[in-house]
Amino acid sequence: MSIKRKTKITVYKEITFKLSSRQKRSLMNYCRARHTTPIKLIKRSIRPYIELYAESRPEEIPMPNQLDLFDEDPS
């Protein structure tokens, strides 16, 4: 008799953002021309950001307008 394994339940989170009417029109026109949906297009565009950094945090980039008070280089 085989034992059935429980499948892990995937928890989804919702993210929303706003587009202007012109941006939405542009998005819909692009999707119709490429025979895709807006969700698939957006997910494909952000895939590297939502898959690569799940376990580790990316290296922080210092802001260019920060003061250099504690640099070891005496200027």
Protein backbone atom coordinates (compact mmCIF):
# COMPACT_ATOMS: atom_id res chain seq x y z
CA MET A 1 0.00 0.00 0.00
CA SER A 2 1.48 3.31 -1.02
CA ILE A 3 1.62 6.25 1.35
CA LYS A 4 0.31 9.55 0.02
CA ARG A 5 2.53 12.51 0.74
CA LYS A 6 1.01 15.83 1.56
CA THR A 7 1.90 18.54 -0.88
CA LYS A 8 3.29 21.73 0.53
CA ILE A 9 0.79 24.57 0.36
CA THR A 10 2.11 27.60 -1.52
CA VAL A 11 1.33 30.89 0.16
CA TYR A 12 0.87 33.76 -2.26
CA LYS A 13 1.25 37.44 -1.41
CA GLU A 14 -0.46 40.26 -3.26
CA ILE A 15 1.37 43.32 -4.53
CA THR A 16 -0.46 46.21 -6.15
CA PHE A 17 0.67 49.32 -7.98
CA LYS A 18 -1.03 52.02 -9.98
CA LEU A 19 -0.68 52.92 -13.64
CA SER A 20 -1.95 55.95 -15.45
CA SER A 21 -4.59 55.36 -18.10
CA ARG A 22 -2.00 55.95 -20.82
CA GLN A 23 0.40 53.44 -19.26
CA LYS A 24 -2.37 50.84 -19.02
CA ARG A 25 -3.34 51.41 -22.65
CA SER A 26 0.27 51.01 -23.68
CA LEU A 27 0.63 47.82 -21.62
CA MET A 28 -2.54 46.32 -23.07
CA ASN A 29 -1.52 47.19 -26.65
CA TYR A 30 1.89 45.57 -26.13
CA CYS A 31 0.31 42.45 -24.63
CA ARG A 32 -2.18 42.11 -27.48
CA ALA A 33 0.61 42.44 -30.04
CA ARG A 34 2.72 39.77 -28.28
CA HIS A 35 -0.23 37.45 -27.48
CA THR A 36 0.44 37.46 -23.75
CA THR A 37 -1.19 38.76 -20.59
CA PRO A 38 -0.08 41.72 -18.46
CA ILE A 39 0.61 39.42 -15.48
CA LYS A 40 2.86 37.12 -17.51
CA LEU A 41 4.69 40.12 -18.98
CA ILE A 42 5.29 41.70 -15.56
CA LYS A 43 6.36 38.42 -13.94
CA ARG A 44 8.78 37.70 -16.80
CA SER A 45 10.25 41.19 -16.41
CA ILE A 46 10.89 40.90 -12.66
CA ARG A 47 11.81 37.18 -12.56
CA PRO A 48 15.55 37.75 -11.77
CA TYR A 49 14.63 39.88 -8.75
CA ILE A 50 12.02 37.50 -7.35
CA GLU A 51 14.00 34.28 -7.79
CA LEU A 52 17.68 35.07 -7.23
CA TYR A 53 17.46 36.74 -3.83
CA ALA A 54 15.04 34.47 -1.96
CA GLU A 55 17.73 32.98 0.29
CA SER A 56 20.41 35.67 0.37
CA ARG A 57 20.41 39.41 0.33
CA PRO A 58 22.11 41.20 -2.58
CA GLU A 59 25.24 43.23 -1.94
CA GLU A 60 24.35 46.73 -0.82
CA ILE A 61 25.45 49.59 -3.04
CA PRO A 62 26.33 52.82 -1.18
CA MET A 63 24.40 55.88 -2.19
CA PRO A 64 26.51 58.33 -4.21
CA ASN A 65 25.51 61.31 -2.06
CA GLN A 66 26.78 59.86 1.24
CA LEU A 67 29.54 61.67 3.07
CA ASP A 68 33.02 60.19 3.03
CA LEU A 69 33.86 61.07 6.64
CA PHE A 70 35.42 57.78 7.61
CA ASP A 71 37.41 56.89 4.53
CA GLU A 72 40.95 55.72 5.15
CA ASP A 73 42.18 57.81 2.26
CA PRO A 74 43.31 61.20 3.67
CA SER A 75 42.42 63.89 1.15
